[in-house]
């Protein structure tokens, strides 16, 4: 069970590096190639290079906001659950979902276990990939964002955080994936 009063591990270097608000300012345009990255996949105990998916399948990059293995963003937690519950729908359409979190390896393992994460869960505690994609940050963690890439790794859709729509719906994301 997740508790909202367990703040252990919240105040750390990552928290201070992401404390000052920076708005989401990604200027990637449709049909543009997105930045390469190499991140550990906590769920499958492998390393994922984004370009390894080029010419294979469309990708949904789901940058999500988790503070610690016990503290989830209240706007992102439901989206994480919705993506996880609908993972098979993406797979049936030939799309891989890569969830990217800023928690460290140990915290990410606990998140994967507690939530029963089905999709690859990529750990980026340095937040460099979040910064390369310019998703923004506030109050100790990067902001959420979603990017749909075609088989060649070109951007087909992006959703950046706003208070009116913090995350794109699964239906919208599925619509852009195929």
C-alpha atoms as a PDB file:
ATOM      1  CA  UNK A   1       0.000   0.000   0.000  1.00  0.00           C
ATOM      2  CA  UNK A   2       1.253   3.452  -0.892  1.00  0.00           C
ATOM      3  CA  UNK A   3       1.433   5.947   1.907  1.00  0.00           C
ATOM      4  CA  UNK A   4       1.267   9.692   1.491  1.00  0.00           C
ATOM      5  CA  UNK A   5       3.131  10.402   4.733  1.00  0.00           C
ATOM      6  CA  UNK A   6       6.412   8.572   4.077  1.00  0.00           C
ATOM      7  CA  UNK A   7       8.829  11.303   3.013  1.00  0.00           C
ATOM      8  CA  UNK A   8      12.052   9.304   3.433  1.00  0.00           C
ATOM      9  CA  UNK A   9      14.359   9.813   0.499  1.00  0.00           C
ATOM     10  CA  UNK A  10      12.460  12.817  -0.846  1.00  0.00           C
ATOM     11  CA  UNK A  11      15.059  15.465  -0.021  1.00  0.00           C
ATOM     12  CA  UNK A  12      18.178  14.565  -1.993  1.00  0.00           C
ATOM     13  CA  UNK A  13      20.421  15.942  -4.733  1.00  0.00           C
ATOM     14  CA  UNK A  14      17.883  15.161  -7.444  1.00  0.00           C
ATOM     15  CA  UNK A  15      15.218  17.061  -5.496  1.00  0.00           C
ATOM     16  CA  UNK A  16      17.384  20.195  -5.256  1.00  0.00           C
ATOM     17  CA  UNK A  17      18.504  19.953  -8.910  1.00  0.00           C
ATOM     18  CA  UNK A  18      14.843  19.917  -9.981  1.00  0.00           C
ATOM     19  CA  UNK A  19      13.406  22.292  -7.394  1.00  0.00           C
ATOM     20  CA  UNK A  20      13.437  25.554  -9.353  1.00  0.00           C
ATOM     21  CA  UNK A  21      10.486  25.652 -11.759  1.00  0.00           C
ATOM     22  CA  UNK A  22      11.440  25.463 -15.442  1.00  0.00           C
ATOM     23  CA  UNK A  23       8.559  25.415 -17.904  1.00  0.00           C
ATOM     24  CA  UNK A  24       8.273  22.739 -20.568  1.00  0.00           C
ATOM     25  CA  UNK A  25       9.828  24.352 -23.628  1.00  0.00           C
ATOM     26  CA  UNK A  26      10.421  21.494 -26.032  1.00  0.00           C
ATOM     27  CA  UNK A  27      10.667  22.835 -29.551  1.00  0.00           C
ATOM     28  CA  UNK A  28      10.794  19.480 -31.336  1.00  0.00           C
ATOM     29  CA  UNK A  29       8.562  19.604 -34.386  1.00  0.00           C
ATOM     30  CA  UNK A  30       6.525  16.906 -36.071  1.00  0.00           C
ATOM     31  CA  UNK A  31       8.679  14.668 -38.322  1.00  0.00           C
ATOM     32  CA  UNK A  32      11.855  15.666 -36.472  1.00  0.00           C
ATOM     33  CA  UNK A  33      14.141  12.969 -35.004  1.00  0.00           C
ATOM     34  CA  UNK A  34      14.191  12.980 -31.221  1.00  0.00           C
ATOM     35  CA  UNK A  35      17.311  12.918 -29.017  1.00  0.00           C
ATOM     36  CA  UNK A  36      19.054   9.572 -28.567  1.00  0.00           C
ATOM     37  CA  UNK A  37      19.389   8.064 -25.102  1.00  0.00           C
ATOM     38  CA  UNK A  38      20.724   4.980 -23.364  1.00  0.00           C
ATOM     39  CA  UNK A  39      19.024   4.041 -20.078  1.00  0.00           C
ATOM     40  CA  UNK A  40      18.738   0.986 -17.831  1.00  0.00           C
ATOM     41  CA  UNK A  41      15.441  -0.895 -18.042  1.00  0.00           C
ATOM     42  CA  UNK A  42      14.653  -1.828 -14.445  1.00  0.00           C
ATOM     43  CA  UNK A  43      11.808  -4.156 -15.390  1.00  0.00           C
ATOM     44  CA  UNK A  44      13.701  -6.288 -17.915  1.00  0.00           C
ATOM     45  CA  UNK A  45      17.221  -5.837 -16.470  1.00  0.00           C
ATOM     46  CA  UNK A  46      18.649  -4.642 -19.780  1.00  0.00           C
ATOM     47  CA  UNK A  47      19.841  -1.382 -21.287  1.00  0.00           C
ATOM     48  CA  UNK A  48      17.649   0.443 -23.786  1.00  0.00           C
ATOM     49  CA  UNK A  49      19.025   2.571 -26.612  1.00  0.00           C
ATOM     50  CA  UNK A  50      16.231   4.491 -28.306  1.00  0.00           C
ATOM     51  CA  UNK A  51      17.737   4.019 -31.775  1.00  0.00           C
ATOM     52  CA  UNK A  52      17.531   0.225 -31.344  1.00  0.00           C
ATOM     53  CA  UNK A  53      13.794   0.607 -31.999  1.00  0.00           C
ATOM     54  CA  UNK A  54      14.281   2.530 -35.262  1.00  0.00           C
ATOM     55  CA  UNK A  55      12.903   0.673 -38.269  1.00  0.00           C
ATOM     56  CA  UNK A  56      11.176  -1.786 -35.918  1.00  0.00           C
ATOM     57  CA  UNK A  57       8.138  -0.278 -34.223  1.00  0.00           C
ATOM     58  CA  UNK A  58       6.528   2.973 -33.091  1.00  0.00           C
ATOM     59  CA  UNK A  59       7.394   4.113 -29.580  1.00  0.00           C
ATOM     60  CA  UNK A  60       5.526   5.968 -26.872  1.00  0.00           C
ATOM     61  CA  UNK A  61       7.956   7.764 -24.565  1.00  0.00           C
ATOM     62  CA  UNK A  62       6.079   8.361 -21.314  1.00  0.00           C
ATOM     63  CA  UNK A  63       8.082  10.672 -19.056  1.00  0.00           C
ATOM     64  CA  UNK A  64       6.455  10.478 -15.663  1.00  0.00           C
ATOM     65  CA  UNK A  65       6.818  12.216 -12.345  1.00  0.00           C
ATOM     66  CA  UNK A  66       7.656  10.096  -9.316  1.00  0.00           C
ATOM     67  CA  UNK A  67       9.352  11.675  -6.301  1.00  0.00           C
ATOM     68  CA  UNK A  68      10.393   8.493  -4.469  1.00  0.00           C
ATOM     69  CA  UNK A  69       9.263   4.873  -4.396  1.00  0.00           C
ATOM     70  CA  UNK A  70       6.632   5.987  -1.862  1.00  0.00           C
ATOM     71  CA  UNK A  71       5.750   9.444  -3.231  1.00  0.00           C
ATOM     72  CA  UNK A  72       3.967   9.743  -6.579  1.00  0.00           C
ATOM     73  CA  UNK A  73       2.769  12.924  -8.209  1.00  0.00           C
ATOM     74  CA  UNK A  74      -1.012  12.991  -7.663  1.00  0.00           C
ATOM     75  CA  UNK A  75      -1.485  14.085 -11.301  1.00  0.00           C
ATOM     76  CA  UNK A  76       0.806  11.362 -12.679  1.00  0.00           C
ATOM     77  CA  UNK A  77      -0.087   8.378 -10.516  1.00  0.00           C
ATOM     78  CA  UNK A  78      -3.459   7.804 -12.265  1.00  0.00           C
ATOM     79  CA  UNK A  79      -1.736   8.143 -15.657  1.00  0.00           C
ATOM     80  CA  UNK A  80       0.915   5.570 -14.706  1.00  0.00           C
ATOM     81  CA  UNK A  81      -1.838   3.143 -13.697  1.00  0.00           C
ATOM     82  CA  UNK A  82      -3.834   3.876 -16.884  1.00  0.00           C
ATOM     83  CA  UNK A  83      -0.797   3.283 -19.118  1.00  0.00           C
ATOM     84  CA  UNK A  84       0.046   0.077 -17.266  1.00  0.00           C
ATOM     85  CA  UNK A  85      -3.549  -1.181 -17.444  1.00  0.00           C
ATOM     86  CA  UNK A  86      -3.626  -0.482 -21.195  1.00  0.00           C
ATOM     87  CA  UNK A  87      -0.114  -1.679 -22.059  1.00  0.00           C
ATOM     88  CA  UNK A  88      -1.454  -4.698 -23.966  1.00  0.00           C
ATOM     89  CA  UNK A  89      -3.531  -2.397 -26.195  1.00  0.00           C
ATOM     90  CA  UNK A  90      -0.346  -0.602 -27.279  1.00  0.00           C
ATOM     91  CA  UNK A  91       1.489  -3.896 -27.814  1.00  0.00           C
ATOM     92  CA  UNK A  92      -1.424  -5.239 -29.917  1.00  0.00           C
ATOM     93  CA  UNK A  93      -0.991  -2.206 -32.196  1.00  0.00           C
ATOM     94  CA  UNK A  94       2.743  -2.922 -32.473  1.00  0.00           C
ATOM     95  CA  UNK A  95       3.767  -0.012 -30.226  1.00  0.00           C
ATOM     96  CA  UNK A  96       6.322  -0.201 -27.409  1.00  0.00           C
ATOM     97  CA  UNK A  97       5.752   1.994 -24.369  1.00  0.00           C
ATOM     98  CA  UNK A  98       8.903   3.169 -22.611  1.00  0.00           C
ATOM     99  CA  UNK A  99       8.137   4.725 -19.238  1.00  0.00           C
ATOM    100  CA  UNK A 100      10.937   7.015 -18.080  1.00  0.00           C
ATOM    101  CA  UNK A 101      11.262   7.905 -14.399  1.00  0.00           C
ATOM    102  CA  UNK A 102      13.737  10.023 -12.451  1.00  0.00           C
ATOM    103  CA  UNK A 103      13.948   7.660  -9.495  1.00  0.00           C
ATOM    104  CA  UNK A 104      17.193   5.791  -8.905  1.00  0.00           C
ATOM    105  CA  UNK A 105      17.621   2.086  -9.614  1.00  0.00           C
ATOM    106  CA  UNK A 106      16.579   0.890  -6.153  1.00  0.00           C
ATOM    107  CA  UNK A 107      13.538   3.173  -6.015  1.00  0.00           C
ATOM    108  CA  UNK A 108      12.558   2.229  -9.569  1.00  0.00           C
ATOM    109  CA  UNK A 109      12.695  -1.481  -8.710  1.00  0.00           C
ATOM    110  CA  UNK A 110      10.313  -0.854  -5.835  1.00  0.00           C
ATOM    111  CA  UNK A 111       7.979   1.165  -8.097  1.00  0.00           C
ATOM    112  CA  UNK A 112       7.945  -1.653 -10.685  1.00  0.00           C
ATOM    113  CA  UNK A 113       7.176  -4.204  -7.967  1.00  0.00           C
ATOM    114  CA  UNK A 114       4.553  -2.169  -6.095  1.00  0.00           C
ATOM    115  CA  UNK A 115       2.649  -1.153  -9.224  1.00  0.00           C
ATOM    116  CA  UNK A 116       3.146  -4.374 -11.166  1.00  0.00           C
ATOM    117  CA  UNK A 117       4.618  -2.420 -14.074  1.00  0.00           C
ATOM    118  CA  UNK A 118       4.332  -4.383 -17.326  1.00  0.00           C
ATOM    119  CA  UNK A 119       6.186  -2.054 -19.698  1.00  0.00           C
ATOM    120  CA  UNK A 120       9.901  -1.264 -19.750  1.00  0.00           C
ATOM    121  CA  UNK A 121      10.680   1.122 -16.875  1.00  0.00           C
ATOM    122  CA  UNK A 122      13.714   3.263 -17.628  1.00  0.00           C
ATOM    123  CA  UNK A 123      15.559   4.888 -14.726  1.00  0.00           C
ATOM    124  CA  UNK A 124      17.090   8.353 -15.267  1.00  0.00           C
ATOM    125  CA  UNK A 125      18.061   9.729 -11.826  1.00  0.00           C
ATOM    126  CA  UNK A 126      20.471  12.269 -13.347  1.00  0.00           C
ATOM    127  CA  UNK A 127      17.453  13.634 -15.268  1.00  0.00           C
ATOM    128  CA  UNK A 128      19.648  14.329 -18.314  1.00  0.00           C
ATOM    129  CA  UNK A 129      17.168  12.677 -20.694  1.00  0.00           C
ATOM    130  CA  UNK A 130      14.330  14.708 -19.147  1.00  0.00           C
ATOM    131  CA  UNK A 131      16.434  17.833 -19.749  1.00  0.00           C
ATOM    132  CA  UNK A 132      17.348  16.812 -23.318  1.00  0.00           C
ATOM    133  CA  UNK A 133      13.641  16.508 -24.061  1.00  0.00           C
ATOM    134  CA  UNK A 134      13.029  19.804 -22.213  1.00  0.00           C
ATOM    135  CA  UNK A 135       9.992  18.544 -20.324  1.00  0.00           C
ATOM    136  CA  UNK A 136      10.431  21.141 -17.564  1.00  0.00           C
ATOM    137  CA  UNK A 137      10.659  20.686 -13.811  1.00  0.00           C
ATOM    138  CA  UNK A 138       9.130  21.901 -10.547  1.00  0.00           C
ATOM    139  CA  UNK A 139       9.196  21.139  -6.841  1.00  0.00           C
ATOM    140  CA  UNK A 140      11.862  18.469  -6.927  1.00  0.00           C
ATOM    141  CA  UNK A 141      11.050  16.416 -10.028  1.00  0.00           C
ATOM    142  CA  UNK A 142      10.840  16.723 -13.803  1.00  0.00           C
ATOM    143  CA  UNK A 143       7.401  17.323 -15.278  1.00  0.00           C
ATOM    144  CA  UNK A 144       5.517  14.615 -17.188  1.00  0.00           C
ATOM    145  CA  UNK A 145       5.396  14.503 -20.990  1.00  0.00           C
ATOM    146  CA  UNK A 146       4.516  12.040 -23.718  1.00  0.00           C
ATOM    147  CA  UNK A 147       6.093  11.658 -27.169  1.00  0.00           C
ATOM    148  CA  UNK A 148       4.862   9.330 -29.910  1.00  0.00           C
ATOM    149  CA  UNK A 149       7.592   8.337 -32.375  1.00  0.00           C
ATOM    150  CA  UNK A 150       7.116   6.514 -35.663  1.00  0.00           C
ATOM    151  CA  UNK A 151       9.182   3.509 -36.790  1.00  0.00           C
ATOM    152  CA  UNK A 152      11.976   5.789 -37.994  1.00  0.00           C
ATOM    153  CA  UNK A 153      12.182   7.635 -34.668  1.00  0.00           C
ATOM    154  CA  UNK A 154      10.472  10.782 -35.941  1.00  0.00           C
ATOM    155  CA  UNK A 155       8.101  12.712 -33.738  1.00  0.00           C
ATOM    156  CA  UNK A 156       4.404  12.191 -34.525  1.00  0.00           C
ATOM    157  CA  UNK A 157       2.871  13.732 -31.386  1.00  0.00           C
ATOM    158  CA  UNK A 158       4.003  15.415 -28.191  1.00  0.00           C
ATOM    159  CA  UNK A 159       2.173  16.379 -25.055  1.00  0.00           C
ATOM    160  CA  UNK A 160       3.842  18.641 -22.521  1.00  0.00           C
ATOM    161  CA  UNK A 161       2.550  19.219 -19.004  1.00  0.00           C
ATOM    162  CA  UNK A 162      -0.099  21.831 -18.329  1.00  0.00           C
ATOM    163  CA  UNK A 163      -2.382  22.145 -15.315  1.00  0.00           C
ATOM    164  CA  UNK A 164      -5.389  21.853 -17.630  1.00  0.00           C
ATOM    165  CA  UNK A 165      -4.154  18.558 -19.081  1.00  0.00           C
ATOM    166  CA  UNK A 166      -1.164  17.170 -17.148  1.00  0.00           C
ATOM    167  CA  UNK A 167      -0.962  14.005 -19.286  1.00  0.00           C
ATOM    168  CA  UNK A 168      -2.390  12.937 -22.640  1.00  0.00           C
ATOM    169  CA  UNK A 169      -5.129  10.324 -22.394  1.00  0.00           C
ATOM    170  CA  UNK A 170      -4.476   6.733 -23.414  1.00  0.00           C
ATOM    171  CA  UNK A 171      -7.084   7.097 -26.184  1.00  0.00           C
ATOM    172  CA  UNK A 172      -5.324  10.137 -27.625  1.00  0.00           C
ATOM    173  CA  UNK A 173      -1.931   8.417 -27.441  1.00  0.00           C
ATOM    174  CA  UNK A 174      -3.281   5.272 -29.113  1.00  0.00           C
ATOM    175  CA  UNK A 175      -4.762   7.454 -31.850  1.00  0.00           C
ATOM    176  CA  UNK A 176      -1.363   8.924 -32.689  1.00  0.00           C
ATOM    177  CA  UNK A 177       0.504   5.639 -32.456  1.00  0.00           C
ATOM    178  CA  UNK A 178      -0.882   4.040 -35.590  1.00  0.00           C
END
